[in-house]
Amino acid sequence: MQTYVFETNTEDETKALAERLAVLVKPGDVLTLEGGLGAGKTTFTKGLGAGLGVRRTINSPTFTIIKEYMGEIPLYHMDVYRLEDSDEDIGFDDYFNGIGVTVVEWATFIEEFLPKERLDISIFREGDRQRKIYFYPKGSHYDWICRELAR
């Protein structure tokens, strides 16, 4: 499948890209986010949440692993960094097959639990505010989302 690349120059642009994505996702969709500390994973998730109608403040679930936010479509926000070198399944399928959209930060740590069809997103800093955001769709549904987003 094709890789899609987006560039943003501010936090607001990163959030706006994610808000546009929110219009295209549906319940049960899984998005993974990779990027170094400070790359913009949580900023991206804030934009996605806003697009899904989440009104609460979204912050990183580093110490709780999973946070649930109610919106027009629920948002399940996971930070699985602390699960590195763990084979513990904490009920991922309940989220991946649930009524919300799941965002997984540091998803490579739980690769064996991830659905085969998903949208993998990598965020790279290109300066203080600039970001290159790569979308790697896995499955025709996610490829359609990326094509629509790129229009």
N, C-alpha and C. Protein backbone atom coordinates (compact mmCIF):
# COMPACT_ATOMS: atom_id res chain seq x y z
N MET A 1 0.84 -1.18 0.00
CA MET A 1 0.00 0.00 0.00
C MET A 1 0.88 1.24 0.00
N GLN A 2 0.32 2.30 -0.48
CA GLN A 2 1.02 3.56 -0.59
C GLN A 2 1.23 4.19 0.79
N THR A 3 2.33 4.92 0.94
CA THR A 3 2.58 5.72 2.14
C THR A 3 2.14 7.14 1.83
N TYR A 4 1.49 7.77 2.79
CA TYR A 4 1.02 9.15 2.63
C TYR A 4 1.79 10.02 3.61
N VAL A 5 2.27 11.18 3.12
CA VAL A 5 3.08 12.06 3.95
C VAL A 5 2.39 13.43 4.04
N PHE A 6 2.28 13.91 5.26
CA PHE A 6 1.71 15.23 5.52
C PHE A 6 2.73 16.04 6.30
N GLU A 7 2.78 17.33 6.04
CA GLU A 7 3.67 18.21 6.77
C GLU A 7 2.85 19.25 7.51
N THR A 8 3.21 19.49 8.77
CA THR A 8 2.55 20.53 9.54
C THR A 8 3.63 21.45 10.10
N ASN A 9 3.26 22.71 10.31
CA ASN A 9 4.23 23.70 10.77
C ASN A 9 3.92 24.26 12.16
N THR A 10 2.78 23.90 12.69
CA THR A 10 2.40 24.35 14.03
C THR A 10 1.61 23.24 14.72
N GLU A 11 1.46 23.37 16.03
CA GLU A 11 0.63 22.42 16.77
C GLU A 11 -0.81 22.47 16.25
N ASP A 12 -1.28 23.68 15.94
CA ASP A 12 -2.65 23.82 15.45
C ASP A 12 -2.84 23.10 14.12
N GLU A 13 -1.84 23.12 13.25
CA GLU A 13 -1.93 22.40 11.98
C GLU A 13 -1.94 20.89 12.22
N THR A 14 -1.16 20.43 13.18
CA THR A 14 -1.16 19.00 13.51
C THR A 14 -2.52 18.58 14.03
N LYS A 15 -3.10 19.39 14.92
CA LYS A 15 -4.43 19.10 15.43
C LYS A 15 -5.47 19.13 14.31
N ALA A 16 -5.35 20.10 13.40
CA ALA A 16 -6.32 20.23 12.30
C ALA A 16 -6.27 19.01 11.38
N LEU A 17 -5.07 18.48 11.12
CA LEU A 17 -4.95 17.27 10.31
C LEU A 17 -5.67 16.12 11.00
N ALA A 18 -5.48 15.98 12.29
CA ALA A 18 -6.14 14.91 13.04
C ALA A 18 -7.66 15.11 13.09
N GLU A 19 -8.11 16.35 13.17
CA GLU A 19 -9.55 16.63 13.14
C GLU A 19 -10.16 16.21 11.80
N ARG A 20 -9.43 16.46 10.72
CA ARG A 20 -9.90 16.02 9.40
C ARG A 20 -9.97 14.49 9.34
N LEU A 21 -9.01 13.83 9.96
CA LEU A 21 -9.01 12.37 10.03
C LEU A 21 -10.23 11.87 10.80
N ALA A 22 -10.60 12.57 11.87
CA ALA A 22 -11.72 12.15 12.71
C ALA A 22 -13.02 12.04 11.94
N VAL A 23 -13.18 12.84 10.91
CA VAL A 23 -14.39 12.81 10.09
C VAL A 23 -14.47 11.51 9.29
N LEU A 24 -13.33 10.88 9.05
CA LEU A 24 -13.26 9.72 8.17
C LEU A 24 -13.25 8.38 8.91
N VAL A 25 -12.92 8.39 10.19
CA VAL A 25 -12.85 7.12 10.92
C VAL A 25 -14.24 6.70 11.40
N LYS A 26 -14.31 5.42 11.78
CA LYS A 26 -15.58 4.87 12.26
C LYS A 26 -15.31 4.01 13.50
N PRO A 27 -16.36 3.70 14.26
CA PRO A 27 -16.16 2.84 15.43
C PRO A 27 -15.46 1.54 15.05
N GLY A 28 -14.52 1.14 15.89
CA GLY A 28 -13.75 -0.08 15.64
C GLY A 28 -12.43 0.18 14.93
N ASP A 29 -12.21 1.42 14.45
CA ASP A 29 -10.95 1.71 13.78
C ASP A 29 -9.81 1.80 14.80
N VAL A 30 -8.63 1.36 14.37
CA VAL A 30 -7.44 1.37 15.21
C VAL A 30 -6.35 2.16 14.51
N LEU A 31 -5.81 3.14 15.23
CA LEU A 31 -4.72 3.98 14.74
C LEU A 31 -3.54 3.80 15.68
N THR A 32 -2.37 3.60 15.14
CA THR A 32 -1.18 3.53 15.98
C THR A 32 -0.36 4.79 15.76
N LEU A 33 0.29 5.25 16.82
CA LEU A 33 1.13 6.44 16.74
C LEU A 33 2.52 6.13 17.24
N GLU A 34 3.50 6.39 16.41
CA GLU A 34 4.90 6.23 16.79
C GLU A 34 5.60 7.57 16.61
N GLY A 35 6.59 7.78 17.42
CA GLY A 35 7.38 9.01 17.35
C GLY A 35 8.10 9.19 18.67
N GLY A 36 9.19 9.89 18.63
CA GLY A 36 9.96 10.10 19.85
C GLY A 36 9.22 10.97 20.84
N LEU A 37 9.80 11.10 22.02
CA LEU A 37 9.22 11.97 23.03
C LEU A 37 9.13 13.39 22.47
N GLY A 38 7.98 14.01 22.61
CA GLY A 38 7.79 15.38 22.13
C GLY A 38 7.53 15.48 20.64
N ALA A 39 7.32 14.36 19.97
CA ALA A 39 7.09 14.40 18.52
C ALA A 39 5.72 14.98 18.18
N GLY A 40 4.75 14.80 19.07
CA GLY A 40 3.42 15.33 18.80
C GLY A 40 2.32 14.29 18.83
N LYS A 41 2.60 13.13 19.42
CA LYS A 41 1.59 12.06 19.45
C LYS A 41 0.35 12.49 20.22
N THR A 42 0.54 13.08 21.39
CA THR A 42 -0.61 13.51 22.18
C THR A 42 -1.29 14.71 21.55
N THR A 43 -0.54 15.60 20.95
CA THR A 43 -1.14 16.74 20.23
C THR A 43 -2.03 16.22 19.11
N PHE A 44 -1.54 15.25 18.38
CA PHE A 44 -2.33 14.65 17.30
C PHE A 44 -3.61 14.04 17.88
N THR A 45 -3.49 13.33 18.99
CA THR A 45 -4.65 12.69 19.61
C THR A 45 -5.65 13.73 20.10
N LYS A 46 -5.17 14.86 20.59
CA LYS A 46 -6.07 15.94 21.00
C LYS A 46 -6.91 16.42 19.82
N GLY A 47 -6.29 16.57 18.67
CA GLY A 47 -7.02 16.98 17.47
C GLY A 47 -8.04 15.94 17.05
N LEU A 48 -7.65 14.68 17.11
CA LEU A 48 -8.57 13.59 16.76
C LEU A 48 -9.76 13.61 17.72
N GLY A 49 -9.48 13.75 19.00
CA GLY A 49 -10.55 13.80 19.99
C GLY A 49 -11.50 14.96 19.75
N ALA A 50 -10.96 16.11 19.44
CA ALA A 50 -11.82 17.27 19.15
C ALA A 50 -12.73 16.98 17.97
N GLY A 51 -12.18 16.34 16.95
CA GLY A 51 -12.98 15.98 15.77
C GLY A 51 -14.03 14.92 16.06
N LEU A 52 -13.81 14.12 17.10
CA LEU A 52 -14.78 13.09 17.49
C LEU A 52 -15.80 13.62 18.50
N GLY A 53 -15.64 14.90 18.87
CA GLY A 53 -16.60 15.50 19.80
C GLY A 53 -16.25 15.33 21.26
N VAL A 54 -15.00 14.98 21.57
CA VAL A 54 -14.58 14.85 22.96
C VAL A 54 -14.44 16.25 23.54
N ARG A 55 -15.04 16.48 24.70
CA ARG A 55 -14.99 17.80 25.35
C ARG A 55 -13.97 17.86 26.49
N ARG A 56 -13.61 16.70 27.07
CA ARG A 56 -12.63 16.67 28.16
C ARG A 56 -11.23 16.96 27.64
N THR A 57 -10.38 17.39 28.53
CA THR A 57 -8.98 17.59 28.19
C THR A 57 -8.32 16.24 27.98
N ILE A 58 -7.65 16.10 26.86
CA ILE A 58 -6.94 14.86 26.54
C ILE A 58 -5.49 15.03 26.91
N ASN A 59 -4.97 14.09 27.69
CA ASN A 59 -3.55 14.09 28.00
C ASN A 59 -3.03 12.66 27.91
N SER A 60 -1.74 12.53 27.96
CA SER A 60 -1.13 11.21 27.76
C SER A 60 -1.48 10.26 28.90
N PRO A 61 -1.89 9.04 28.56
CA PRO A 61 -2.22 8.05 29.59
C PRO A 61 -1.00 7.25 30.06
N THR A 62 0.15 7.88 30.14
CA THR A 62 1.40 7.19 30.43
C THR A 62 1.31 6.29 31.65
N PHE A 63 0.72 6.76 32.72
CA PHE A 63 0.72 5.97 33.96
C PHE A 63 -0.52 5.10 34.11
N THR A 64 -1.56 5.37 33.33
CA THR A 64 -2.78 4.56 33.43
C THR A 64 -2.92 3.58 32.28
N ILE A 65 -2.13 3.70 31.27
CA ILE A 65 -2.09 2.90 30.05
C ILE A 65 -3.27 3.20 29.12
N ILE A 66 -4.50 3.23 29.64
CA ILE A 66 -5.66 3.48 28.78
C ILE A 66 -6.55 4.55 29.41
N LYS A 67 -6.94 5.52 28.59
CA LYS A 67 -7.94 6.51 29.00
C LYS A 67 -9.08 6.46 27.99
N GLU A 68 -10.29 6.55 28.49
CA GLU A 68 -11.48 6.55 27.65
C GLU A 68 -12.11 7.93 27.69
N TYR A 69 -12.45 8.44 26.51
CA TYR A 69 -13.08 9.74 26.39
C TYR A 69 -14.38 9.58 25.62
N MET A 70 -15.44 10.12 26.16
CA MET A 70 -16.73 10.05 25.48
C MET A 70 -16.90 11.25 24.55
N GLY A 71 -17.33 10.97 23.34
CA GLY A 71 -17.63 11.98 22.35
C GLY A 71 -18.74 11.44 21.47
N GLU A 72 -18.91 12.03 20.30
CA GLU A 72 -19.89 11.47 19.36
C GLU A 72 -19.53 10.02 19.04
N ILE A 73 -18.24 9.78 18.95
CA ILE A 73 -17.68 8.42 18.90
C ILE A 73 -16.67 8.37 20.05
N PRO A 74 -16.72 7.36 20.91
CA PRO A 74 -15.73 7.28 22.00
C PRO A 74 -14.30 7.18 21.46
N LEU A 75 -13.39 7.72 22.22
CA LEU A 75 -11.96 7.65 21.90
C LEU A 75 -11.28 6.87 23.00
N TYR A 76 -10.57 5.80 22.62
CA TYR A 76 -9.77 5.02 23.56
C TYR A 76 -8.31 5.36 23.28
N HIS A 77 -7.66 5.98 24.24
CA HIS A 77 -6.29 6.45 24.06
C HIS A 77 -5.36 5.60 24.92
N MET A 78 -4.48 4.86 24.27
CA MET A 78 -3.55 3.97 24.97
C MET A 78 -2.12 4.47 24.81
N ASP A 79 -1.38 4.39 25.89
CA ASP A 79 0.06 4.59 25.84
C ASP A 79 0.66 3.32 26.42
N VAL A 80 1.16 2.46 25.55
CA VAL A 80 1.62 1.13 25.99
C VAL A 80 3.13 1.06 26.21
N TYR A 81 3.76 2.23 26.36
CA TYR A 81 5.21 2.27 26.56
C TYR A 81 5.63 1.39 27.74
N ARG A 82 4.86 1.42 28.81
CA ARG A 82 5.21 0.66 30.01
C ARG A 82 5.01 -0.84 29.84
N LEU A 83 4.46 -1.26 28.72
CA LEU A 83 4.26 -2.69 28.47
C LEU A 83 5.40 -3.30 27.66
N GLU A 84 6.45 -2.52 27.43
CA GLU A 84 7.61 -3.06 26.71
C GLU A 84 8.11 -4.30 27.46
N ASP A 85 8.45 -5.32 26.72
CA ASP A 85 8.93 -6.59 27.27
C ASP A 85 7.87 -7.32 28.10
N SER A 86 6.61 -7.01 27.84
CA SER A 86 5.53 -7.69 28.54
C SER A 86 4.68 -8.43 27.51
N ASP A 87 4.16 -9.56 27.89
CA ASP A 87 3.26 -10.27 26.98
C ASP A 87 1.84 -10.26 27.55
N GLU A 88 1.58 -9.31 28.43
CA GLU A 88 0.29 -9.22 29.08
C GLU A 88 -0.76 -8.60 28.15
N ASP A 89 -1.86 -9.31 27.98
CA ASP A 89 -2.99 -8.80 27.21
C ASP A 89 -3.97 -8.21 28.22
N ILE A 90 -4.15 -6.91 28.18
CA ILE A 90 -5.03 -6.26 29.15
C ILE A 90 -6.42 -5.99 28.57
N GLY A 91 -6.84 -6.88 27.68
CA GLY A 91 -8.17 -6.74 27.09
C GLY A 91 -8.18 -5.88 25.85
N PHE A 92 -7.11 -5.92 25.09
CA PHE A 92 -7.01 -5.07 23.89
C PHE A 92 -8.17 -5.29 22.93
N ASP A 93 -8.57 -6.55 22.73
CA ASP A 93 -9.65 -6.85 21.78
C ASP A 93 -10.94 -6.14 22.14
N ASP A 94 -11.19 -5.95 23.42
CA ASP A 94 -12.41 -5.23 23.83
C ASP A 94 -12.40 -3.81 23.28
N TYR A 95 -11.23 -3.22 23.19
CA TYR A 95 -11.11 -1.87 22.65
C TYR A 95 -11.06 -1.90 21.13
N PHE A 96 -10.24 -2.78 20.58
CA PHE A 96 -10.06 -2.83 19.13
C PHE A 96 -11.35 -3.20 18.41
N ASN A 97 -12.22 -3.93 19.07
CA ASN A 97 -13.50 -4.31 18.46
C ASN A 97 -14.67 -3.59 19.11
N GLY A 98 -14.38 -2.50 19.80
CA GLY A 98 -15.41 -1.79 20.55
C GLY A 98 -16.16 -0.77 19.71
N ILE A 99 -16.87 0.09 20.41
CA ILE A 99 -17.71 1.09 19.76
C ILE A 99 -17.00 2.42 19.54
N GLY A 100 -15.71 2.45 19.84
CA GLY A 100 -14.95 3.68 19.70
C GLY A 100 -13.80 3.54 18.73
N VAL A 101 -13.03 4.61 18.62
CA VAL A 101 -11.80 4.64 17.84
C VAL A 101 -10.66 4.51 18.83
N THR A 102 -9.72 3.61 18.54
CA THR A 102 -8.59 3.37 19.44
C THR A 102 -7.32 3.97 18.86
N VAL A 103 -6.61 4.73 19.69
CA VAL A 103 -5.30 5.27 19.35
C VAL A 103 -4.29 4.63 20.28
N VAL A 104 -3.25 4.04 19.71
CA VAL A 104 -2.24 3.34 20.50
C VAL A 104 -0.89 4.00 20.28
N GLU A 105 -0.37 4.64 21.33
CA GLU A 105 0.98 5.20 21.28
C GLU A 105 1.98 4.11 21.64
N TRP A 106 3.12 4.09 20.96
CA TRP A 106 4.18 3.10 21.17
C TRP A 106 3.68 1.69 20.84
N ALA A 107 2.91 1.58 19.79
CA ALA A 107 2.24 0.33 19.43
C ALA A 107 3.19 -0.82 19.13
N THR A 108 4.42 -0.53 18.77
CA THR A 108 5.36 -1.62 18.47
C THR A 108 5.56 -2.54 19.67
N PHE A 109 5.27 -2.04 20.88
CA PHE A 109 5.45 -2.86 22.08
C PHE A 109 4.36 -3.91 22.23
N ILE A 110 3.24 -3.77 21.50
CA ILE A 110 2.17 -4.77 21.59
C ILE A 110 1.79 -5.27 20.19
N GLU A 111 2.75 -5.31 19.32
CA GLU A 111 2.52 -5.70 17.92
C GLU A 111 1.69 -6.97 17.79
N GLU A 112 1.95 -7.97 18.63
CA GLU A 112 1.26 -9.24 18.50
C GLU A 112 -0.23 -9.15 18.83
N PHE A 113 -0.65 -8.10 19.50
CA PHE A 113 -2.06 -7.94 19.86
C PHE A 113 -2.83 -7.05 18.89
N LEU A 114 -2.12 -6.33 18.03
CA LEU A 114 -2.76 -5.38 17.12
C LEU A 114 -3.51 -6.09 16.00
N PRO A 115 -4.63 -5.50 15.56
CA PRO A 115 -5.31 -6.07 14.40
C PRO A 115 -4.45 -5.90 13.15
N LYS A 116 -4.59 -6.81 12.21
CA LYS A 116 -3.81 -6.74 10.98
C LYS A 116 -4.18 -5.50 10.17
N GLU A 117 -5.46 -5.15 10.15
CA GLU A 117 -5.90 -3.96 9.43
C GLU A 117 -5.99 -2.80 10.41
N ARG A 118 -5.23 -1.75 10.09
CA ARG A 118 -5.17 -0.57 10.96
C ARG A 118 -4.46 0.54 10.20
N LEU A 119 -4.37 1.69 10.82
CA LEU A 119 -3.63 2.81 10.24
C LEU A 119 -2.46 3.12 11.15
N ASP A 120 -1.25 2.86 10.65
CA ASP A 120 -0.04 3.18 11.40
C ASP A 120 0.40 4.59 11.03
N ILE A 121 0.70 5.40 12.04
CA ILE A 121 1.10 6.79 11.83
C ILE A 121 2.40 7.02 12.57
N SER A 122 3.37 7.61 11.88
CA SER A 122 4.65 7.97 12.49
C SER A 122 4.84 9.47 12.37
N ILE A 123 5.24 10.10 13.47
CA ILE A 123 5.42 11.54 13.51
C ILE A 123 6.89 11.83 13.79
N PHE A 124 7.47 12.69 12.95
CA PHE A 124 8.88 13.06 13.10
C PHE A 124 9.00 14.57 13.20
N ARG A 125 9.81 15.01 14.15
CA ARG A 125 10.10 16.44 14.29
C ARG A 125 11.05 16.87 13.18
N GLU A 126 10.75 18.01 12.60
CA GLU A 126 11.61 18.57 11.56
C GLU A 126 12.09 19.96 11.99
N GLY A 127 12.08 20.21 13.26
CA GLY A 127 12.42 21.51 13.82
C GLY A 127 11.60 21.70 15.08
N ASP A 128 11.55 22.93 15.58
CA ASP A 128 10.79 23.17 16.81
C ASP A 128 9.32 22.87 16.65
N ARG A 129 8.73 23.28 15.53
CA ARG A 129 7.29 23.12 15.35
C ARG A 129 6.92 22.27 14.14
N GLN A 130 7.80 22.15 13.19
CA GLN A 130 7.49 21.41 11.97
C GLN A 130 7.49 19.91 12.24
N ARG A 131 6.53 19.25 11.58
CA ARG A 131 6.43 17.80 11.70
C ARG A 131 6.20 17.19 10.32
N LYS A 132 6.76 16.01 10.11
CA LYS A 132 6.40 15.17 8.97
C LYS A 132 5.63 14.01 9.56
N ILE A 133 4.44 13.78 9.02
CA ILE A 133 3.56 12.76 9.56
C ILE A 133 3.29 11.75 8.45
N TYR A 134 3.72 10.52 8.68
CA TYR A 134 3.60 9.44 7.70
C TYR A 134 2.43 8.55 8.07
N PHE A 135 1.57 8.28 7.09
CA PHE A 135 0.43 7.38 7.26
C PHE A 135 0.71 6.12 6.46
N TYR A 136 0.65 4.98 7.14
CA TYR A 136 0.87 3.68 6.51
C TYR A 136 -0.42 2.85 6.66
N PRO A 137 -1.30 2.89 5.67
CA PRO A 137 -2.55 2.13 5.80
C PRO A 137 -2.32 0.63 5.65
N LYS A 138 -2.99 -0.12 6.48
CA LYS A 138 -2.96 -1.58 6.39
C LYS A 138 -4.39 -2.04 6.21
N GLY A 139 -4.78 -2.21 4.96
CA GLY A 139 -6.14 -2.60 4.63
C GLY A 139 -6.82 -1.54 3.77
N SER A 140 -7.76 -1.98 2.96
CA SER A 140 -8.41 -1.09 1.99
C SER A 140 -9.20 0.04 2.65
N HIS A 141 -9.82 -0.22 3.79
CA HIS A 141 -10.56 0.83 4.50
C HIS A 141 -9.62 1.97 4.88
N TYR A 142 -8.45 1.64 5.39
CA TYR A 142 -7.50 2.66 5.83
C TYR A 142 -6.84 3.34 4.64
N ASP A 143 -6.67 2.62 3.55
CA ASP A 143 -6.16 3.25 2.34
C ASP A 143 -7.16 4.29 1.83
N TRP A 144 -8.44 3.95 1.87
CA TRP A 144 -9.48 4.90 1.46
C TRP A 144 -9.43 6.15 2.34
N ILE A 145 -9.28 5.96 3.66
CA ILE A 145 -9.19 7.10 4.57
C ILE A 145 -8.03 8.01 4.17
N CYS A 146 -6.87 7.42 3.90
CA CYS A 146 -5.69 8.21 3.54
C CYS A 146 -5.88 8.95 2.22
N ARG A 147 -6.47 8.28 1.24
CA ARG A 147 -6.74 8.95 -0.05
C ARG A 147 -7.65 10.13 0.15
N GLU A 148 -8.69 9.97 0.95
CA GLU A 148 -9.62 11.07 1.22
C GLU A 148 -8.92 12.21 1.95
N LEU A 149 -8.08 11.87 2.90
CA LEU A 149 -7.36 12.88 3.68
C LEU A 149 -6.38 13.66 2.81
N ALA A 150 -5.80 13.00 1.82
CA ALA A 150 -4.81 13.62 0.95
C ALA A 150 -5.42 14.51 -0.13
N ARG A 151 -6.75 14.43 -0.29
CA ARG A 151 -7.41 15.22 -1.35
C ARG A 151 -7.36 16.71 -1.08
